Amino acid sequence: MRRILSILLENEPGSLSRIVGLFSQRAFNIESLTVAPTEDNSLSRITIATSGDDRVLEQIVKQVNKLIDVIKITDLTERDHVEREIILIKVLAMNDKARTEIKRITDIFRGSIVDIGKQVYTVELTGNAEKINAFIKTLAYETEIIESVRSGSVGIARGEKALRI
């Protein structure tokens, strides 16, 4: 089962490596990982997307909770939440037909062209993983994808209550 974990922790050197180390020790794969300071610069939020055996993940969550730097860990998949990724993707735009098609597809998926070169467009798109995968598949059908980079999942619980101390 795919899980999204949101971890609030002190913004200290080595905090991230200790958490990733727990996953590594258990041979548990991290599909994506994002980390950044929160509105309080002394705190960071790590979002980890992973999947696998629920029993092993439960043990990892318990061990992460015991780390001194960790303030709170929440499994977002167990509650109503919003999850997004961002992708930047370079595509070949050799002629007017290709450029028109890239623009049309980008508009349909509510993305934006953020850089235009002589033969290359760079497109930005934000959405859930399914939307981004569909966008990649559609673009690949129409033109050549030169390069892409994805942020990985970030998520936040719905509602007024914050995931804080």
N, C-alpha and C. Protein backbone atom coordinates (compact mmCIF):
# COMPACT_ATOMS: atom_id res chain seq x y z
N MET A 1 0.83 -1.18 0.00
CA MET A 1 0.00 0.00 0.00
C MET A 1 0.88 1.25 0.00
N ARG A 2 0.51 2.24 -0.80
CA ARG A 2 1.25 3.49 -0.88
C ARG A 2 0.90 4.36 0.31
N ARG A 3 1.91 4.96 0.92
CA ARG A 3 1.72 5.79 2.11
C ARG A 3 2.44 7.12 1.92
N ILE A 4 1.83 8.17 2.47
CA ILE A 4 2.44 9.50 2.49
C ILE A 4 2.62 9.87 3.96
N LEU A 5 3.87 10.05 4.37
CA LEU A 5 4.18 10.42 5.75
C LEU A 5 4.62 11.87 5.80
N SER A 6 4.08 12.62 6.74
CA SER A 6 4.47 14.00 6.96
C SER A 6 5.15 14.07 8.32
N ILE A 7 6.40 14.52 8.32
CA ILE A 7 7.19 14.53 9.55
C ILE A 7 7.60 15.97 9.86
N LEU A 8 7.20 16.45 11.02
CA LEU A 8 7.60 17.77 11.49
C LEU A 8 8.77 17.57 12.44
N LEU A 9 9.88 18.26 12.19
CA LEU A 9 11.06 18.07 13.01
C LEU A 9 11.86 19.35 13.13
N GLU A 10 12.77 19.36 14.09
CA GLU A 10 13.65 20.50 14.27
C GLU A 10 14.57 20.63 13.06
N ASN A 11 14.78 21.85 12.63
CA ASN A 11 15.61 22.12 11.47
C ASN A 11 17.08 22.12 11.90
N GLU A 12 17.64 20.92 12.05
CA GLU A 12 19.00 20.75 12.53
C GLU A 12 19.81 19.89 11.56
N PRO A 13 21.13 20.11 11.45
CA PRO A 13 21.95 19.26 10.60
C PRO A 13 21.88 17.80 11.04
N GLY A 14 21.74 16.89 10.09
CA GLY A 14 21.73 15.46 10.38
C GLY A 14 20.35 14.87 10.63
N SER A 15 19.34 15.72 10.81
CA SER A 15 17.98 15.21 11.09
C SER A 15 17.47 14.35 9.94
N LEU A 16 17.62 14.83 8.72
CA LEU A 16 17.15 14.09 7.55
C LEU A 16 17.87 12.76 7.41
N SER A 17 19.18 12.76 7.59
CA SER A 17 19.95 11.52 7.41
C SER A 17 19.56 10.46 8.43
N ARG A 18 19.20 10.86 9.64
CA ARG A 18 18.76 9.88 10.65
C ARG A 18 17.44 9.23 10.24
N ILE A 19 16.54 10.01 9.69
CA ILE A 19 15.25 9.46 9.26
C ILE A 19 15.43 8.54 8.06
N VAL A 20 16.17 8.99 7.07
CA VAL A 20 16.42 8.17 5.89
C VAL A 20 17.16 6.89 6.29
N GLY A 21 18.05 6.99 7.27
CA GLY A 21 18.78 5.82 7.76
C GLY A 21 17.87 4.74 8.30
N LEU A 22 16.79 5.14 8.97
CA LEU A 22 15.84 4.15 9.48
C LEU A 22 15.17 3.37 8.35
N PHE A 23 14.84 4.06 7.26
CA PHE A 23 14.26 3.39 6.10
C PHE A 23 15.29 2.44 5.48
N SER A 24 16.51 2.93 5.36
CA SER A 24 17.59 2.14 4.77
C SER A 24 17.90 0.89 5.58
N GLN A 25 17.95 1.00 6.90
CA GLN A 25 18.24 -0.14 7.76
C GLN A 25 17.23 -1.26 7.59
N ARG A 26 15.99 -0.89 7.30
CA ARG A 26 14.91 -1.87 7.13
C ARG A 26 14.73 -2.27 5.67
N ALA A 27 15.61 -1.79 4.79
CA ALA A 27 15.52 -2.06 3.34
C ALA A 27 14.15 -1.66 2.80
N PHE A 28 13.67 -0.52 3.26
CA PHE A 28 12.36 -0.01 2.86
C PHE A 28 12.58 1.13 1.88
N ASN A 29 11.96 1.06 0.71
CA ASN A 29 12.19 2.04 -0.35
C ASN A 29 11.42 3.34 -0.12
N ILE A 30 12.09 4.45 -0.38
CA ILE A 30 11.45 5.77 -0.38
C ILE A 30 11.22 6.13 -1.85
N GLU A 31 9.96 6.28 -2.24
CA GLU A 31 9.63 6.63 -3.62
C GLU A 31 9.93 8.09 -3.92
N SER A 32 9.60 8.96 -2.97
CA SER A 32 9.96 10.37 -3.11
C SER A 32 10.12 10.98 -1.72
N LEU A 33 10.93 12.02 -1.68
CA LEU A 33 11.22 12.68 -0.42
C LEU A 33 11.37 14.18 -0.70
N THR A 34 10.63 14.98 0.03
CA THR A 34 10.79 16.43 -0.06
C THR A 34 10.97 16.98 1.35
N VAL A 35 11.77 18.01 1.46
CA VAL A 35 12.02 18.61 2.77
C VAL A 35 12.25 20.11 2.58
N ALA A 36 11.69 20.90 3.49
CA ALA A 36 11.87 22.35 3.45
C ALA A 36 11.48 22.93 4.80
N PRO A 37 12.00 24.11 5.12
CA PRO A 37 11.58 24.78 6.36
C PRO A 37 10.08 25.09 6.31
N THR A 38 9.46 25.18 7.47
CA THR A 38 8.05 25.55 7.56
C THR A 38 7.94 27.05 7.75
N GLU A 39 6.76 27.53 8.11
CA GLU A 39 6.59 28.96 8.38
C GLU A 39 7.43 29.39 9.57
N ASP A 40 7.81 28.44 10.42
CA ASP A 40 8.73 28.66 11.54
C ASP A 40 10.09 28.11 11.10
N ASN A 41 11.07 28.97 10.88
CA ASN A 41 12.37 28.55 10.33
C ASN A 41 13.14 27.57 11.21
N SER A 42 12.72 27.42 12.46
CA SER A 42 13.40 26.45 13.32
C SER A 42 12.87 25.02 13.11
N LEU A 43 11.82 24.90 12.30
CA LEU A 43 11.21 23.60 12.01
C LEU A 43 11.23 23.30 10.51
N SER A 44 11.34 22.03 10.18
CA SER A 44 11.23 21.57 8.80
C SER A 44 10.13 20.54 8.71
N ARG A 45 9.60 20.38 7.49
CA ARG A 45 8.64 19.32 7.25
C ARG A 45 9.20 18.43 6.15
N ILE A 46 9.21 17.14 6.43
CA ILE A 46 9.64 16.14 5.46
C ILE A 46 8.38 15.40 5.00
N THR A 47 8.24 15.25 3.70
CA THR A 47 7.15 14.44 3.16
C THR A 47 7.80 13.25 2.46
N ILE A 48 7.43 12.05 2.89
CA ILE A 48 7.98 10.82 2.32
C ILE A 48 6.85 10.01 1.71
N ALA A 49 7.00 9.67 0.44
CA ALA A 49 6.08 8.76 -0.23
C ALA A 49 6.77 7.40 -0.29
N THR A 50 6.08 6.38 0.15
CA THR A 50 6.65 5.04 0.18
C THR A 50 5.54 4.01 0.00
N SER A 51 5.91 2.79 -0.24
CA SER A 51 4.91 1.72 -0.31
C SER A 51 5.59 0.43 0.11
N GLY A 52 4.78 -0.48 0.60
CA GLY A 52 5.32 -1.76 1.02
C GLY A 52 4.56 -2.33 2.19
N ASP A 53 5.20 -3.23 2.88
CA ASP A 53 4.62 -3.97 3.99
C ASP A 53 4.21 -3.04 5.13
N ASP A 54 2.93 -3.08 5.49
CA ASP A 54 2.41 -2.19 6.55
C ASP A 54 3.08 -2.45 7.89
N ARG A 55 3.39 -3.68 8.19
CA ARG A 55 4.00 -4.04 9.48
C ARG A 55 5.39 -3.41 9.61
N VAL A 56 6.19 -3.49 8.55
CA VAL A 56 7.53 -2.90 8.57
C VAL A 56 7.43 -1.38 8.67
N LEU A 57 6.51 -0.78 7.91
CA LEU A 57 6.36 0.67 7.95
C LEU A 57 5.92 1.13 9.34
N GLU A 58 5.07 0.37 9.99
CA GLU A 58 4.64 0.70 11.35
C GLU A 58 5.84 0.75 12.30
N GLN A 59 6.77 -0.18 12.14
CA GLN A 59 7.97 -0.19 12.97
C GLN A 59 8.85 1.03 12.68
N ILE A 60 8.98 1.37 11.41
CA ILE A 60 9.77 2.55 11.04
C ILE A 60 9.16 3.81 11.65
N VAL A 61 7.82 3.94 11.56
CA VAL A 61 7.14 5.10 12.12
C VAL A 61 7.39 5.20 13.62
N LYS A 62 7.32 4.08 14.32
CA LYS A 62 7.57 4.07 15.77
C LYS A 62 9.00 4.51 16.07
N GLN A 63 9.97 4.04 15.28
CA GLN A 63 11.36 4.41 15.49
C GLN A 63 11.62 5.88 15.15
N VAL A 64 10.99 6.38 14.08
CA VAL A 64 11.12 7.79 13.71
C VAL A 64 10.58 8.65 14.84
N ASN A 65 9.46 8.26 15.43
CA ASN A 65 8.85 9.00 16.53
C ASN A 65 9.78 9.11 17.74
N LYS A 66 10.68 8.15 17.91
CA LYS A 66 11.59 8.15 19.06
C LYS A 66 12.79 9.08 18.86
N LEU A 67 13.04 9.52 17.63
CA LEU A 67 14.18 10.40 17.38
C LEU A 67 13.96 11.74 18.08
N ILE A 68 15.02 12.27 18.66
CA ILE A 68 14.94 13.50 19.44
C ILE A 68 14.47 14.69 18.60
N ASP A 69 14.94 14.78 17.34
CA ASP A 69 14.60 15.92 16.48
C ASP A 69 13.15 15.91 16.03
N VAL A 70 12.48 14.75 16.05
CA VAL A 70 11.13 14.62 15.51
C VAL A 70 10.10 15.14 16.51
N ILE A 71 9.26 16.04 16.02
CA ILE A 71 8.19 16.60 16.84
C ILE A 71 6.90 15.80 16.64
N LYS A 72 6.59 15.51 15.38
CA LYS A 72 5.36 14.77 15.08
C LYS A 72 5.47 14.10 13.72
N ILE A 73 4.93 12.89 13.63
CA ILE A 73 4.85 12.18 12.36
C ILE A 73 3.38 11.82 12.13
N THR A 74 2.90 12.09 10.92
CA THR A 74 1.51 11.84 10.58
C THR A 74 1.45 11.07 9.27
N ASP A 75 0.63 10.03 9.25
CA ASP A 75 0.37 9.28 8.02
C ASP A 75 -0.80 9.97 7.32
N LEU A 76 -0.51 10.75 6.29
CA LEU A 76 -1.55 11.51 5.60
C LEU A 76 -2.54 10.61 4.86
N THR A 77 -2.11 9.41 4.50
CA THR A 77 -3.00 8.51 3.76
C THR A 77 -4.17 8.05 4.62
N GLU A 78 -4.06 8.19 5.93
CA GLU A 78 -5.13 7.78 6.83
C GLU A 78 -6.14 8.89 7.08
N ARG A 79 -5.94 10.05 6.48
CA ARG A 79 -6.87 11.17 6.66
C ARG A 79 -7.07 11.89 5.34
N ASP A 80 -8.07 12.74 5.29
CA ASP A 80 -8.36 13.52 4.10
C ASP A 80 -7.23 14.52 3.90
N HIS A 81 -6.62 14.53 2.71
CA HIS A 81 -5.47 15.40 2.47
C HIS A 81 -5.39 15.83 1.02
N VAL A 82 -4.55 16.81 0.78
CA VAL A 82 -4.23 17.29 -0.57
C VAL A 82 -2.78 16.92 -0.84
N GLU A 83 -2.54 16.35 -2.00
CA GLU A 83 -1.20 15.90 -2.37
C GLU A 83 -0.87 16.43 -3.76
N ARG A 84 0.33 16.97 -3.94
CA ARG A 84 0.75 17.52 -5.24
C ARG A 84 2.21 17.23 -5.51
N GLU A 85 2.55 17.28 -6.80
CA GLU A 85 3.93 17.22 -7.29
C GLU A 85 4.08 18.31 -8.33
N ILE A 86 5.31 18.62 -8.65
CA ILE A 86 5.58 19.53 -9.77
C ILE A 86 6.56 18.83 -10.70
N ILE A 87 6.39 19.06 -11.98
CA ILE A 87 7.33 18.54 -12.97
C ILE A 87 7.76 19.68 -13.89
N LEU A 88 9.03 19.67 -14.23
CA LEU A 88 9.57 20.51 -15.30
C LEU A 88 10.01 19.53 -16.38
N ILE A 89 9.57 19.75 -17.59
CA ILE A 89 9.84 18.80 -18.66
C ILE A 89 10.24 19.55 -19.93
N LYS A 90 11.38 19.15 -20.52
CA LYS A 90 11.86 19.74 -21.77
C LYS A 90 11.41 18.86 -22.92
N VAL A 91 10.80 19.48 -23.92
CA VAL A 91 10.32 18.73 -25.09
C VAL A 91 10.83 19.37 -26.37
N LEU A 92 10.96 18.55 -27.38
CA LEU A 92 11.42 19.01 -28.68
C LEU A 92 10.27 19.70 -29.40
N ALA A 93 10.51 20.94 -29.85
CA ALA A 93 9.50 21.73 -30.56
C ALA A 93 10.13 22.20 -31.87
N MET A 94 10.28 21.26 -32.80
CA MET A 94 11.03 21.50 -34.03
C MET A 94 10.28 22.36 -35.05
N ASN A 95 8.95 22.25 -35.08
CA ASN A 95 8.20 22.96 -36.12
C ASN A 95 6.91 23.53 -35.53
N ASP A 96 6.16 24.27 -36.36
CA ASP A 96 4.93 24.91 -35.89
C ASP A 96 3.89 23.90 -35.41
N LYS A 97 3.79 22.76 -36.09
CA LYS A 97 2.82 21.74 -35.70
C LYS A 97 3.14 21.21 -34.30
N ALA A 98 4.40 20.91 -34.05
CA ALA A 98 4.81 20.39 -32.74
C ALA A 98 4.59 21.45 -31.65
N ARG A 99 4.94 22.70 -31.95
CA ARG A 99 4.76 23.77 -30.97
C ARG A 99 3.29 23.97 -30.62
N THR A 100 2.44 23.93 -31.63
CA THR A 100 1.00 24.07 -31.42
C THR A 100 0.46 22.93 -30.56
N GLU A 101 0.89 21.71 -30.84
CA GLU A 101 0.44 20.54 -30.08
C GLU A 101 0.91 20.59 -28.64
N ILE A 102 2.16 20.99 -28.43
CA ILE A 102 2.69 21.11 -27.07
C ILE A 102 1.88 22.15 -26.29
N LYS A 103 1.60 23.28 -26.91
CA LYS A 103 0.81 24.34 -26.27
C LYS A 103 -0.59 23.83 -25.95
N ARG A 104 -1.22 23.12 -26.88
CA ARG A 104 -2.58 22.60 -26.68
C ARG A 104 -2.62 21.62 -25.50
N ILE A 105 -1.68 20.68 -25.48
CA ILE A 105 -1.63 19.67 -24.42
C ILE A 105 -1.36 20.35 -23.07
N THR A 106 -0.44 21.29 -23.07
CA THR A 106 -0.11 22.02 -21.84
C THR A 106 -1.33 22.76 -21.30
N ASP A 107 -2.09 23.39 -22.19
CA ASP A 107 -3.31 24.10 -21.77
C ASP A 107 -4.36 23.13 -21.23
N ILE A 108 -4.53 22.00 -21.87
CA ILE A 108 -5.51 21.00 -21.42
C ILE A 108 -5.20 20.55 -20.00
N PHE A 109 -3.91 20.33 -19.70
CA PHE A 109 -3.49 19.87 -18.38
C PHE A 109 -3.27 21.02 -17.38
N ARG A 110 -3.56 22.25 -17.81
CA ARG A 110 -3.40 23.46 -16.99
C ARG A 110 -1.96 23.66 -16.52
N GLY A 111 -1.05 23.41 -17.44
CA GLY A 111 0.36 23.67 -17.18
C GLY A 111 0.75 25.00 -17.79
N SER A 112 2.04 25.29 -17.78
CA SER A 112 2.50 26.51 -18.44
C SER A 112 3.87 26.28 -19.05
N ILE A 113 4.08 26.93 -20.15
CA ILE A 113 5.38 26.89 -20.81
C ILE A 113 6.22 27.98 -20.14
N VAL A 114 7.33 27.56 -19.51
CA VAL A 114 8.12 28.50 -18.71
C VAL A 114 9.41 28.94 -19.40
N ASP A 115 9.78 28.24 -20.49
CA ASP A 115 10.98 28.63 -21.24
C ASP A 115 10.82 28.18 -22.68
N ILE A 116 11.20 29.06 -23.60
CA ILE A 116 11.10 28.75 -25.02
C ILE A 116 12.46 28.97 -25.66
N GLY A 117 12.96 27.92 -26.31
CA GLY A 117 14.19 28.02 -27.08
C GLY A 117 13.87 27.86 -28.55
N LYS A 118 14.90 27.81 -29.38
CA LYS A 118 14.67 27.66 -30.82
C LYS A 118 13.96 26.36 -31.15
N GLN A 119 14.35 25.27 -30.47
CA GLN A 119 13.76 23.97 -30.77
C GLN A 119 13.28 23.23 -29.51
N VAL A 120 13.31 23.90 -28.37
CA VAL A 120 12.97 23.24 -27.11
C VAL A 120 12.03 24.12 -26.29
N TYR A 121 10.97 23.49 -25.77
CA TYR A 121 10.08 24.14 -24.81
C TYR A 121 10.29 23.47 -23.46
N THR A 122 10.25 24.26 -22.39
CA THR A 122 10.23 23.72 -21.04
C THR A 122 8.86 24.01 -20.46
N VAL A 123 8.21 22.94 -19.99
CA VAL A 123 6.85 23.03 -19.49
C VAL A 123 6.84 22.71 -18.00
N GLU A 124 6.01 23.44 -17.26
CA GLU A 124 5.82 23.22 -15.82
C GLU A 124 4.38 22.77 -15.60
N LEU A 125 4.23 21.75 -14.76
CA LEU A 125 2.90 21.25 -14.44
C LEU A 125 2.86 20.83 -12.97
N THR A 126 1.77 21.18 -12.31
CA THR A 126 1.55 20.79 -10.92
C THR A 126 0.28 19.94 -10.87
N GLY A 127 0.33 18.87 -10.07
CA GLY A 127 -0.86 18.03 -9.90
C GLY A 127 -0.52 16.78 -9.14
N ASN A 128 -1.49 15.88 -9.06
CA ASN A 128 -1.20 14.60 -8.41
C ASN A 128 -0.42 13.71 -9.36
N ALA A 129 0.08 12.60 -8.86
CA ALA A 129 0.95 11.73 -9.65
C ALA A 129 0.24 11.21 -10.90
N GLU A 130 -1.05 10.89 -10.80
CA GLU A 130 -1.79 10.37 -11.95
C GLU A 130 -1.87 11.41 -13.06
N LYS A 131 -2.12 12.66 -12.70
CA LYS A 131 -2.20 13.73 -13.69
C LYS A 131 -0.86 13.92 -14.38
N ILE A 132 0.21 13.92 -13.60
CA ILE A 132 1.54 14.13 -14.18
C ILE A 132 1.92 12.96 -15.08
N ASN A 133 1.62 11.73 -14.66
CA ASN A 133 1.90 10.56 -15.50
C ASN A 133 1.13 10.62 -16.82
N ALA A 134 -0.14 11.03 -16.76
CA ALA A 134 -0.96 11.16 -17.98
C ALA A 134 -0.39 12.24 -18.89
N PHE A 135 0.08 13.34 -18.31
CA PHE A 135 0.68 14.42 -19.08
C PHE A 135 1.93 13.94 -19.82
N ILE A 136 2.79 13.23 -19.11
CA ILE A 136 4.02 12.69 -19.72
C ILE A 136 3.68 11.76 -20.87
N LYS A 137 2.73 10.87 -20.65
CA LYS A 137 2.33 9.90 -21.68
C LYS A 137 1.78 10.61 -22.92
N THR A 138 0.95 11.63 -22.69
CA THR A 138 0.36 12.37 -23.81
C THR A 138 1.42 13.15 -24.57
N LEU A 139 2.32 13.81 -23.86
CA LEU A 139 3.40 14.55 -24.53
C LEU A 139 4.31 13.62 -25.32
N ALA A 140 4.64 12.48 -24.73
CA ALA A 140 5.55 11.53 -25.38
C ALA A 140 4.95 11.01 -26.68
N TYR A 141 3.64 10.95 -26.75
CA TYR A 141 2.96 10.50 -27.96
C TYR A 141 3.09 11.53 -29.09
N GLU A 142 3.15 12.81 -28.71
CA GLU A 142 3.15 13.90 -29.69
C GLU A 142 4.54 14.42 -30.05
N THR A 143 5.49 14.31 -29.12
CA THR A 143 6.82 14.88 -29.36
C THR A 143 7.86 14.11 -28.56
N GLU A 144 9.11 14.45 -28.76
CA GLU A 144 10.19 13.79 -28.02
C GLU A 144 10.46 14.52 -26.71
N ILE A 145 10.48 13.75 -25.63
CA ILE A 145 10.82 14.31 -24.33
C ILE A 145 12.34 14.25 -24.19
N ILE A 146 12.95 15.38 -23.95
CA ILE A 146 14.40 15.47 -23.84
C ILE A 146 14.86 15.18 -22.42
N GLU A 147 14.16 15.77 -21.46
CA GLU A 147 14.56 15.64 -20.06
C GLU A 147 13.38 16.03 -19.18
N SER A 148 13.33 15.44 -17.99
CA SER A 148 12.30 15.85 -17.04
C SER A 148 12.84 15.73 -15.62
N VAL A 149 12.25 16.51 -14.72
CA VAL A 149 12.58 16.44 -13.30
C VAL A 149 11.28 16.64 -12.52
N ARG A 150 11.08 15.76 -11.50
CA ARG A 150 9.88 15.83 -10.67
C ARG A 150 10.27 16.11 -9.23
N SER A 151 9.39 16.81 -8.54
CA SER A 151 9.67 17.18 -7.16
C SER A 151 9.44 16.04 -6.17
N GLY A 152 8.56 15.14 -6.47
CA GLY A 152 8.09 14.18 -5.49
C GLY A 152 6.87 14.77 -4.79
N SER A 153 6.18 13.96 -4.05
CA SER A 153 4.93 14.37 -3.41
C SER A 153 5.16 15.30 -2.22
N VAL A 154 4.28 16.27 -2.12
CA VAL A 154 4.12 17.04 -0.89
C VAL A 154 2.65 16.95 -0.54
N GLY A 155 2.36 16.96 0.73
CA GLY A 155 0.96 16.82 1.13
C GLY A 155 0.66 17.60 2.39
N ILE A 156 -0.63 17.89 2.55
CA ILE A 156 -1.10 18.61 3.73
C ILE A 156 -2.51 18.11 4.04
N ALA A 157 -2.81 17.96 5.33
CA ALA A 157 -4.13 17.51 5.74
C ALA A 157 -5.17 18.59 5.44
N ARG A 158 -6.36 18.16 5.11
CA ARG A 158 -7.47 19.10 4.89
C ARG A 158 -8.01 19.59 6.24
N GLY A 159 -8.64 20.74 6.22
CA GLY A 159 -9.30 21.26 7.40
C GLY A 159 -8.49 22.32 8.11
N GLU A 160 -9.06 22.82 9.19
CA GLU A 160 -8.47 23.93 9.93
C GLU A 160 -7.35 23.50 10.86
N LYS A 161 -7.40 22.29 11.33
CA LYS A 161 -6.42 21.83 12.31
C LYS A 161 -5.05 21.62 11.66
N ALA A 162 -4.03 22.24 12.23
CA ALA A 162 -2.66 22.12 11.71
C ALA A 162 -1.99 20.90 12.33
N LEU A 163 -1.06 20.32 11.59
CA LEU A 163 -0.27 19.20 12.10
C LEU A 163 0.93 19.77 12.83
N ARG A 164 0.71 20.24 14.02
CA ARG A 164 1.77 20.85 14.82
C ARG A 164 1.91 20.14 16.15
N ILE A 165 2.70 20.73 16.99
CA ILE A 165 2.98 20.20 18.32
C ILE A 165 1.69 20.00 19.10
